Protein backbone atom coordinates (compact mmCIF):
# COMPACT_ATOMS: atom_id res chain seq x y z
CA UNK A 1 14.76 181.98 194.35
CA UNK A 2 12.19 180.56 196.63
CA UNK A 3 13.62 182.50 199.69
CA UNK A 4 13.01 185.85 197.68
CA UNK A 5 9.59 184.96 197.54
CA UNK A 6 9.59 184.09 193.50
CA UNK A 7 6.25 182.31 192.55
CA UNK A 8 6.53 178.54 191.36
CA UNK A 9 5.27 179.91 188.07
CA UNK A 10 8.33 182.70 187.83
CA UNK A 11 10.97 179.74 188.84
CA UNK A 12 9.99 177.63 186.12
CA UNK A 13 10.20 179.82 183.42
CA UNK A 14 13.29 181.29 184.48
CA UNK A 15 14.65 177.99 185.11
CA UNK A 16 13.00 176.70 181.65
CA UNK A 17 11.51 173.68 183.51
CA UNK A 18 7.78 172.51 183.92
CA UNK A 19 5.46 173.95 186.65
CA UNK A 20 5.46 170.33 188.24
CA UNK A 21 9.50 170.62 188.53
CA UNK A 22 9.23 173.74 190.57
CA UNK A 23 5.94 172.31 192.29
CA UNK A 24 8.29 169.65 193.44
CA UNK A 25 11.50 171.40 194.08
CA UNK A 26 9.40 173.98 196.59
CA UNK A 27 8.09 170.94 198.40
CA UNK A 28 11.90 170.03 198.89
CA UNK A 29 12.78 173.49 199.92
CA UNK A 30 9.98 174.09 201.98
CA UNK A 31 11.08 170.66 203.88
CA UNK A 32 14.63 171.39 204.33
CA UNK A 33 16.00 174.75 202.75
CA UNK A 34 18.27 174.71 200.03
CA UNK A 35 20.33 171.80 201.49
CA UNK A 36 17.35 169.65 200.65
CA UNK A 37 17.31 171.03 196.95
CA UNK A 38 20.96 169.42 196.77
CA UNK A 39 19.92 165.91 196.36
CA UNK A 40 17.38 166.14 194.01
CA UNK A 41 19.44 165.41 190.97
CA UNK A 42 18.12 164.91 187.70
CA UNK A 43 14.55 164.16 186.51
CA UNK A 44 13.16 162.42 184.20
CA UNK A 45 14.81 159.91 181.43
CA UNK A 46 18.01 160.39 180.12
CA UNK A 47 18.39 161.97 176.58
CA UNK A 48 18.62 159.44 173.58
CA UNK A 49 21.41 161.54 171.96
CA UNK A 50 24.35 163.05 173.65
CA UNK A 51 25.46 166.54 173.18
CA UNK A 52 28.21 165.26 170.49
CA UNK A 53 25.38 163.50 168.34
CA UNK A 54 23.22 166.32 168.72
CA UNK A 55 25.75 168.56 166.95
CA UNK A 56 26.35 165.83 164.35
CA UNK A 57 22.52 165.83 163.80
CA UNK A 58 22.37 169.65 163.29
CA UNK A 59 25.80 169.31 160.57
CA UNK A 60 23.53 166.70 158.41
CA UNK A 61 20.83 169.04 158.85
CA UNK A 62 22.58 171.78 157.41
CA UNK A 63 23.69 169.67 154.48
CA UNK A 64 20.30 169.51 153.41
CA UNK A 65 17.93 166.68 152.39
CA UNK A 66 19.23 165.67 148.93
CA UNK A 67 22.34 164.56 150.21
CA UNK A 68 20.72 162.06 151.98
CA UNK A 69 18.70 161.18 149.43
CA UNK A 70 15.24 162.92 149.19
CA UNK A 71 14.41 164.67 145.74
CA UNK A 72 13.12 168.05 147.51
CA UNK A 73 15.32 170.18 149.78
CA UNK A 74 12.68 170.38 152.35
CA UNK A 75 13.25 168.60 155.75
CA UNK A 76 10.37 167.46 157.34
CA UNK A 77 9.82 165.70 160.92
CA UNK A 78 9.20 162.41 159.54
CA UNK A 79 12.34 162.92 157.44
CA UNK A 80 14.19 163.93 160.16
CA UNK A 81 13.34 160.94 162.17
CA UNK A 82 14.44 158.61 159.79
CA UNK A 83 17.85 160.64 159.40
CA UNK A 84 18.42 159.80 163.11
CA UNK A 85 17.38 156.07 163.39
CA UNK A 86 19.49 155.61 160.49
CA UNK A 87 22.71 157.82 161.52
CA UNK A 88 22.26 157.08 165.35
CA UNK A 89 20.22 153.68 165.84
CA UNK A 90 17.68 155.76 167.47
CA UNK A 91 14.03 155.94 166.98
CA UNK A 92 11.98 159.24 167.58
CA UNK A 93 8.26 160.03 167.03
CA UNK A 94 8.17 162.20 164.20
CA UNK A 95 5.94 164.37 166.73
CA UNK A 96 9.05 164.26 169.14
CA UNK A 97 11.33 165.40 167.06
CA UNK A 98 10.45 169.05 167.17
CA UNK A 99 12.17 169.16 170.65
CA UNK A 100 15.10 167.73 169.11
CA UNK A 101 15.10 170.98 167.03
CA UNK A 102 14.16 173.13 169.64
CA UNK A 103 17.37 171.93 171.56
CA UNK A 104 19.35 172.65 168.52
CA UNK A 105 17.41 176.26 168.54
CA UNK A 106 15.82 175.51 164.89
CA UNK A 107 12.39 176.14 164.75
CA UNK A 108 10.00 174.71 162.23
CA UNK A 109 9.41 176.92 159.08
CA UNK A 110 7.15 176.78 156.25
CA UNK A 111 8.24 176.85 152.94
CA UNK A 112 6.60 179.99 150.31
CA UNK A 113 4.18 178.69 147.91
CA UNK A 114 5.06 179.70 144.69
CA UNK A 115 5.06 178.29 141.02
CA UNK A 116 8.07 178.01 139.80
CA UNK A 117 7.26 179.47 136.74
CA UNK A 118 6.25 182.64 138.11
CA UNK A 119 7.53 185.59 136.55
CA UNK A 120 8.53 188.27 139.17
CA UNK A 121 9.25 190.81 135.92
CA UNK A 122 6.34 190.47 134.68
CA UNK A 123 4.09 190.89 137.76
CA UNK A 124 5.98 193.67 138.89
CA UNK A 125 5.11 195.50 135.39
CA UNK A 126 1.70 194.48 135.79
CA UNK A 127 1.01 195.78 139.38
CA UNK A 128 2.80 198.95 137.58
CA UNK A 129 0.95 199.15 134.65
CA UNK A 130 -2.38 197.29 134.66
CA UNK A 131 -3.12 197.22 138.22
CA UNK A 132 -3.85 201.14 138.72
CA UNK A 133 -6.03 201.21 135.81
CA UNK A 134 -8.24 198.50 136.90
CA UNK A 135 -8.02 199.80 140.83
CA UNK A 136 -9.47 203.22 139.02
CA UNK A 137 -12.15 201.75 137.03
CA UNK A 138 -13.36 199.87 140.43
CA UNK A 139 -13.04 202.86 142.13
CA UNK A 140 -15.79 204.47 140.03
CA UNK A 141 -18.40 202.12 140.43
CA UNK A 142 -21.41 202.33 142.95
CA UNK A 143 -21.50 200.32 145.84
CA UNK A 144 -25.41 199.36 146.66
């Protein structure tokens, strides 16, 4: 890609690496071409969980939090960190757990905040019958 005049930022984006890594690769490439890049090898720490363990983690997540002893059916980063420690003996800071979720192609979701007592039929009825009358009355009010 460097030989094709792609920028370091483009290389980083297309290969899903940091700009610093692309910059380091560019320096190797400039020093000795593609042959120099062959010896670079893996950069950074080795992952704490193997691919098999990640697949097992996803299985546990799909089972749901209640299967793992939680009262609510909501995964939090803290809960997932505890699950990983309990199942695999590996400690992750809850703030880092989102990277594991990213590897699994999961995204953070927020639950809808709705009252359990919410009555959808009554709401639809109110919106259809009562709201138009209130709206009509409000439309006749002069604004100063």
